[in-house]
Protein backbone atom coordinates (compact mmCIF):
# COMPACT_ATOMS: atom_id res chain seq x y z
CA UNK A 1 0.00 0.00 0.00
CA UNK A 2 1.50 3.34 -1.00
CA UNK A 3 1.09 5.88 1.73
CA UNK A 4 3.03 9.10 2.13
CA UNK A 5 5.00 9.35 5.33
CA UNK A 6 3.30 11.76 7.71
CA UNK A 7 5.72 13.84 9.77
CA UNK A 8 4.97 13.85 13.48
CA UNK A 9 5.13 16.90 15.68
CA UNK A 10 7.31 15.98 18.63
CA UNK A 11 8.02 17.90 21.80
CA UNK A 12 11.78 17.60 22.30
CA UNK A 13 13.85 18.07 25.42
CA UNK A 14 16.96 19.79 24.07
CA UNK A 15 16.07 23.21 25.45
CA UNK A 16 15.14 22.07 28.93
CA UNK A 17 17.76 21.37 31.59
CA UNK A 18 15.12 19.77 33.78
CA UNK A 19 14.02 17.39 31.06
CA UNK A 20 17.62 16.55 30.17
CA UNK A 21 18.16 15.56 33.78
CA UNK A 22 15.07 13.38 33.71
CA UNK A 23 16.27 11.68 30.52
CA UNK A 24 19.71 11.02 31.95
CA UNK A 25 18.20 9.56 35.10
CA UNK A 26 15.81 7.41 33.09
CA UNK A 27 18.58 6.24 30.80
CA UNK A 28 20.82 5.31 33.71
CA UNK A 29 18.01 3.55 35.56
CA UNK A 30 16.91 1.61 32.49
CA UNK A 31 20.45 0.54 31.61
CA UNK A 32 21.09 -0.67 35.17
CA UNK A 33 17.82 -2.59 35.27
CA UNK A 34 18.57 -4.35 32.00
CA UNK A 35 22.13 -5.14 33.07
CA UNK A 36 21.18 -6.34 36.53
CA UNK A 37 17.98 -8.24 35.73
CA UNK A 38 16.80 -10.81 33.28
CA UNK A 39 15.74 -9.74 29.82
CA UNK A 40 14.01 -11.18 26.78
CA UNK A 41 15.46 -10.46 23.35
CA UNK A 42 12.95 -10.41 20.52
CA UNK A 43 12.92 -9.51 16.84
CA UNK A 44 10.71 -6.57 15.86
CA UNK A 45 10.06 -4.75 12.58
CA UNK A 46 12.95 -2.44 13.55
CA UNK A 47 15.39 -5.12 14.69
CA UNK A 48 16.18 -6.84 17.96
CA UNK A 49 15.29 -5.37 21.33
CA UNK A 50 15.99 -6.59 24.86
CA UNK A 51 13.10 -6.12 27.25
CA UNK A 52 13.16 -6.55 31.04
CA UNK A 53 11.45 -9.69 32.26
CA UNK A 54 9.80 -7.68 35.02
CA UNK A 55 7.58 -5.01 33.47
CA UNK A 56 5.72 -2.66 35.77
CA UNK A 57 4.78 0.15 33.36
CA UNK A 58 4.07 0.53 29.65
CA UNK A 59 3.59 3.61 27.45
CA UNK A 60 2.16 3.59 23.92
CA UNK A 61 2.54 6.35 21.36
CA UNK A 62 0.07 5.98 18.50
CA UNK A 63 -3.17 5.15 20.28
CA UNK A 64 -4.80 2.43 18.21
CA UNK A 65 -3.08 -0.89 17.50
CA UNK A 66 -0.41 -0.35 20.16
CA UNK A 67 -2.98 0.62 22.81
CA UNK A 68 -5.27 -2.23 21.80
CA UNK A 69 -2.50 -4.81 22.13
CA UNK A 70 -1.30 -3.47 25.49
CA UNK A 71 -4.83 -3.52 26.90
CA UNK A 72 -5.70 -6.91 25.44
CA UNK A 73 -2.58 -8.46 26.98
CA UNK A 74 -3.39 -6.78 30.30
CA UNK A 75 -0.04 -5.01 30.39
CA UNK A 76 0.41 -2.27 33.02
CA UNK A 77 -0.44 0.70 30.81
CA UNK A 78 0.52 4.02 32.43
CA UNK A 79 0.46 6.42 29.48
CA UNK A 80 -1.21 6.77 26.09
CA UNK A 81 -2.15 9.54 23.63
CA UNK A 82 -5.42 11.46 23.81
CA UNK A 83 -7.56 12.51 20.87
CA UNK A 84 -8.31 16.18 20.37
CA UNK A 85 -12.05 16.79 20.89
CA UNK A 86 -11.86 18.97 17.78
CA UNK A 87 -11.40 15.77 15.75
CA UNK A 88 -15.14 15.34 16.20
CA UNK A 89 -15.36 11.64 17.05
CA UNK A 90 -18.77 11.14 18.62
CA UNK A 91 -19.04 7.40 18.98
CA UNK A 92 -17.06 5.85 21.80
CA UNK A 93 -14.23 4.01 20.14
CA UNK A 94 -13.79 0.25 20.40
CA UNK A 95 -11.17 0.70 23.15
CA UNK A 96 -13.25 3.10 25.27
CA UNK A 97 -14.28 0.64 27.97
CA UNK A 98 -10.82 -0.90 28.26
CA UNK A 99 -9.22 2.55 28.43
CA UNK A 100 -11.68 3.61 31.14
CA UNK A 101 -10.69 0.56 33.18
CA UNK A 102 -6.98 1.29 32.66
CA UNK A 103 -7.44 4.90 33.78
CA UNK A 104 -9.09 3.68 36.96
CA UNK A 105 -5.83 1.79 37.56
CA UNK A 106 -3.74 4.92 36.99
CA UNK A 107 -3.16 5.17 33.23
CA UNK A 108 -2.99 8.75 31.96
CA UNK A 109 -3.37 10.65 28.71
CA UNK A 110 0.14 12.07 28.28
CA UNK A 111 -0.14 14.00 25.00
CA UNK A 112 -2.35 14.43 21.97
CA UNK A 113 -2.23 11.97 19.10
CA UNK A 114 0.54 13.00 16.67
CA UNK A 115 2.09 15.31 19.31
CA UNK A 116 4.40 12.94 21.17
CA UNK A 117 5.85 14.54 24.28
CA UNK A 118 9.26 13.13 25.21
CA UNK A 119 9.33 14.95 28.54
CA UNK A 120 6.01 13.41 29.63
CA UNK A 121 7.25 9.95 28.66
CA UNK A 122 10.56 10.39 30.47
CA UNK A 123 8.87 11.56 33.66
CA UNK A 124 6.86 8.31 33.73
CA UNK A 125 10.09 6.24 33.45
CA UNK A 126 8.31 3.28 31.82
CA UNK A 127 9.69 -0.26 31.72
CA UNK A 128 8.93 -0.43 28.01
CA UNK A 129 7.51 1.66 25.16
CA UNK A 130 5.32 0.14 22.44
CA UNK A 131 4.36 1.76 19.15
CA UNK A 132 4.34 1.38 15.40
CA UNK A 133 7.57 2.05 13.55
CA UNK A 134 6.48 5.35 11.96
CA UNK A 135 6.04 6.92 15.39
CA UNK A 136 9.34 5.55 16.62
CA UNK A 137 11.69 6.31 13.72
CA UNK A 138 11.94 10.13 14.07
CA UNK A 139 12.68 9.93 17.81
CA UNK A 140 14.18 6.47 18.19
CA UNK A 141 17.32 7.58 20.07
CA UNK A 142 15.34 9.73 22.50
CA UNK A 143 12.90 6.93 23.23
CA UNK A 144 15.62 4.32 23.69
CA UNK A 145 17.30 6.64 26.19
CA UNK A 146 14.18 6.23 28.32
CA UNK A 147 13.24 2.55 27.90
CA UNK A 148 13.42 -0.41 25.51
CA UNK A 149 11.15 0.14 22.52
CA UNK A 150 9.01 -2.61 21.00
CA UNK A 151 8.25 -1.61 17.42
CA UNK A 152 5.18 -2.98 15.70
CA UNK A 153 4.25 -2.60 12.06
CA UNK A 154 1.98 -0.39 10.05
CA UNK A 155 -1.10 -1.78 8.32
CA UNK A 156 0.90 -2.42 5.15
CA UNK A 157 3.72 -4.18 7.03
CA UNK A 158 2.21 -6.59 9.52
CA UNK A 159 -1.11 -7.99 10.71
CA UNK A 160 -2.41 -7.29 14.18
CA UNK A 161 -1.94 -10.99 14.93
CA UNK A 162 1.77 -10.79 14.08
CA UNK A 163 2.22 -7.69 16.22
CA UNK A 164 0.26 -9.23 19.07
CA UNK A 165 2.55 -12.27 19.06
CA UNK A 166 5.65 -10.03 18.94
CA UNK A 167 4.55 -8.02 21.96
CA UNK A 168 3.45 -11.23 23.70
CA UNK A 169 6.87 -12.76 23.19
CA UNK A 170 8.58 -9.60 24.43
CA UNK A 171 6.45 -9.30 27.56
CA UNK A 172 6.02 -12.96 28.51
CA UNK A 173 2.35 -12.98 27.53
CA UNK A 174 2.61 -15.30 24.52
CA UNK A 175 -0.04 -17.66 25.88
CA UNK A 176 -2.58 -14.86 26.20
CA UNK A 177 -1.72 -13.60 22.71
CA UNK A 178 -2.39 -17.05 21.27
CA UNK A 179 -5.67 -17.25 23.21
CA UNK A 180 -6.83 -13.92 21.79
CA UNK A 181 -6.07 -15.01 18.24
CA UNK A 182 -7.91 -18.29 18.82
CA UNK A 183 -10.90 -16.40 20.22
CA UNK A 184 -11.01 -14.20 17.14
CA UNK A 185 -10.74 -17.16 14.78
CA UNK A 186 -13.48 -18.98 16.70
CA UNK A 187 -15.79 -15.96 16.42
CA UNK A 188 -15.08 -15.68 12.68
CA UNK A 189 -16.02 -19.34 12.24
CA UNK A 190 -19.18 -18.85 14.28
CA UNK A 191 -20.33 -15.98 12.05
CA UNK A 192 -19.39 -17.88 8.90
CA UNK A 193 -21.50 -20.82 10.06
CA UNK A 194 -24.49 -18.89 11.38
CA UNK A 195 -24.79 -16.53 8.42
CA UNK A 196 -23.47 -18.78 5.65
CA UNK A 197 -26.38 -18.05 3.32
CA UNK A 198 -26.34 -14.28 3.87
CA UNK A 199 -22.57 -14.17 3.35
CA UNK A 200 -22.68 -16.19 0.16
CA UNK A 201 -25.63 -14.42 -1.46
CA UNK A 202 -25.22 -10.74 -0.52
CA UNK A 203 -22.51 -8.30 -1.55
CA UNK A 204 -21.25 -5.86 1.09
CA UNK A 205 -19.13 -2.72 1.27
CA UNK A 206 -17.48 -0.85 4.15
CA UNK A 207 -16.75 2.83 3.55
CA UNK A 208 -16.18 6.15 5.27
CA UNK A 209 -18.63 8.91 4.39
CA UNK A 210 -18.59 12.67 4.97
CA UNK A 211 -19.96 15.74 3.24
CA UNK A 212 -17.10 15.70 0.72
CA UNK A 213 -17.58 12.12 -0.38
CA UNK A 214 -16.58 8.61 0.59
CA UNK A 215 -13.64 6.24 0.51
CA UNK A 216 -13.13 2.50 0.71
CA UNK A 217 -9.88 1.34 2.27
CA UNK A 218 -8.58 -2.05 1.21
CA UNK A 219 -6.09 -2.23 4.08
CA UNK A 220 -8.36 -1.02 6.86
CA UNK A 221 -9.08 -3.42 9.68
CA UNK A 222 -12.81 -3.60 8.98
CA UNK A 223 -12.02 -4.56 5.39
CA UNK A 224 -9.64 -7.30 6.52
CA UNK A 225 -12.19 -8.63 9.01
CA UNK A 226 -14.84 -8.80 6.29
CA UNK A 227 -12.32 -10.71 4.16
CA UNK A 228 -11.72 -13.13 7.04
CA UNK A 229 -15.45 -13.75 7.31
CA UNK A 230 -15.58 -14.47 3.59
CA UNK A 231 -17.77 -11.51 2.70
CA UNK A 232 -18.80 -11.08 -0.93
CA UNK A 233 -17.46 -7.61 -1.83
CA UNK A 234 -19.28 -5.07 -3.94
CA UNK A 235 -17.47 -3.81 -7.04
CA UNK A 236 -15.87 -0.78 -5.36
CA UNK A 237 -14.93 -2.83 -2.32
CA UNK A 238 -13.41 -5.59 -4.46
CA UNK A 239 -11.26 -3.02 -6.29
CA UNK A 240 -10.00 -1.61 -2.98
CA UNK A 241 -9.20 -5.07 -1.64
CA UNK A 242 -7.40 -6.13 -4.81
CA UNK A 243 -5.21 -3.02 -4.88
CA UNK A 244 -4.88 -2.74 -1.08
CA UNK A 245 -5.38 0.98 -1.62
CA UNK A 246 -8.11 3.49 -0.91
CA UNK A 247 -10.80 4.10 -3.52
CA UNK A 248 -12.16 7.65 -3.27
CA UNK A 249 -15.46 9.00 -4.58
CA UNK A 250 -16.84 12.52 -4.60
CA UNK A 251 -20.09 13.27 -2.85
CA UNK A 252 -21.84 13.14 -6.21
CA UNK A 253 -20.24 9.78 -7.09
CA UNK A 254 -20.86 8.12 -3.76
CA UNK A 255 -24.40 6.96 -4.33
CA UNK A 256 -23.69 5.36 -7.70
CA UNK A 257 -20.47 3.79 -6.38
CA UNK A 258 -22.36 1.54 -3.96
CA UNK A 259 -25.51 0.89 -5.91
CA UNK A 260 -24.56 -2.78 -6.32
CA UNK A 261 -24.07 -3.42 -2.59
CA UNK A 262 -26.72 -5.47 -0.80
CA UNK A 263 -25.46 -4.37 2.63
CA UNK A 264 -23.45 -1.38 3.83
CA UNK A 265 -21.16 -0.85 6.83
CA UNK A 266 -20.74 2.94 6.84
CA UNK A 267 -18.43 5.05 9.01
CA UNK A 268 -19.51 8.61 9.81
CA UNK A 269 -18.15 10.97 12.44
CA UNK A 270 -21.14 12.85 13.79
CA UNK A 271 -24.77 12.08 14.47
CA UNK A 272 -25.69 15.43 12.88
CA UNK A 273 -24.16 14.33 9.59
CA UNK A 274 -25.75 10.89 9.97
CA UNK A 275 -29.14 12.57 10.30
CA UNK A 276 -28.46 14.53 7.11
CA UNK A 277 -27.43 11.37 5.31
CA UNK A 278 -30.57 9.54 6.30
CA UNK A 279 -32.72 12.50 5.22
CA UNK A 280 -31.13 12.52 1.75
CA UNK A 281 -33.57 11.23 -0.87
CA UNK A 282 -30.81 9.85 -3.08
CA UNK A 283 -29.23 7.98 -0.17
CA UNK A 284 -32.57 6.35 0.51
CA UNK A 285 -32.64 5.10 -3.08
CA UNK A 286 -29.63 2.87 -2.54
CA UNK A 287 -30.88 -0.74 -2.51
CA UNK A 288 -29.10 -1.57 0.75
CA UNK A 289 -30.50 1.53 2.46
CA UNK A 290 -34.02 0.98 1.16
CA UNK A 291 -33.87 -2.59 2.45
CA UNK A 292 -32.56 -1.54 5.88
CA UNK A 293 -29.28 -3.40 5.41
CA UNK A 294 -27.07 -0.66 6.86
CA UNK A 295 -25.00 -0.49 10.06
CA UNK A 296 -23.14 2.62 11.22
CA UNK A 297 -19.60 1.99 12.39
CA UNK A 298 -16.86 3.81 14.29
CA UNK A 299 -14.01 5.42 12.32
CA UNK A 300 -11.55 4.40 15.03
CA UNK A 301 -11.92 0.78 13.89
CA UNK A 302 -9.76 1.47 10.81
CA UNK A 303 -6.78 0.02 12.69
CA UNK A 304 -6.35 -1.88 15.93
CA UNK A 305 -5.73 -5.24 17.55
CA UNK A 306 -7.83 -8.03 19.04
CA UNK A 307 -10.27 -5.81 20.96
CA UNK A 308 -11.04 -3.71 17.88
CA UNK A 309 -11.23 -6.77 15.62
CA UNK A 310 -13.82 -8.36 17.92
CA UNK A 311 -15.84 -5.12 17.96
CA UNK A 312 -15.82 -5.13 14.17
CA UNK A 313 -17.09 -8.69 14.20
CA UNK A 314 -19.98 -7.45 16.36
CA UNK A 315 -20.82 -4.88 13.66
CA UNK A 316 -20.43 -7.46 10.89
CA UNK A 317 -22.78 -9.84 12.67
CA UNK A 318 -25.26 -7.01 13.19
CA UNK A 319 -25.06 -6.26 9.46
CA UNK A 320 -25.78 -9.84 8.43
CA UNK A 321 -28.64 -9.99 10.92
CA UNK A 322 -30.37 -7.24 8.93
CA UNK A 323 -30.44 -9.40 5.80
């Protein structure tokens, strides 16, 4: 999948004597812990890393797949990125309940998504940092001065299952990682069996929709989950899956683009826009909409791990129930 690298805004510590001191202390403490205690050495998408056997705190940087994996493995999450309310996400994301539980145990929002704050991370002195490689690369040396860094892949590099197993191996939670994958595969089989006729006879599409148009992402997690279930893709969806790239349609093109879909999993940000969509006469003319074969999804399911994948399966099952 061809995606342009997106530069991340990072709060550095070069200008702060206080932060420099924190970094030096963290670096010294981490090095001593690794030297004095047992470690596990694992291979990641960015090479080998040695991780302490005893992990008492974890920080994640990106907020979706890394957070999902940390929560699913019940790792001691102490810091994660927050989403700016201005982003307009109305639905509670698939990780909302798990994040709420982690915050009750002391986890904190340390910085906004895409605005990684090195000082805030250093002050937490985590045992390990987990994130995808694109977040790590620009600040790798600074992060490694604080704690060992477990790099996971981007959507076009690795599957969530591969990343889950990597983190499981690094943190001694391999057995739980394997259980989570087995639970997902079991749920996929259950849906395939229960809705075999609906799956075989009805084409589906999953797309994001706003007032500028829509797009179908072949590499998004909901698309991959639908593939796992064996969904019959509509024409636009099949093109996105085959190319593993995003198919974009203007607002005017959107309705004709999905006219062949028997069922629609649609992702919209706000209920106000959803109300406008449902009041649109042309939208109501779509066969799937007219038949009531539509389920609204959460945009934050575009990437994630086992928790998000299971939430998507809930939406997929709900969709097939409408048929």
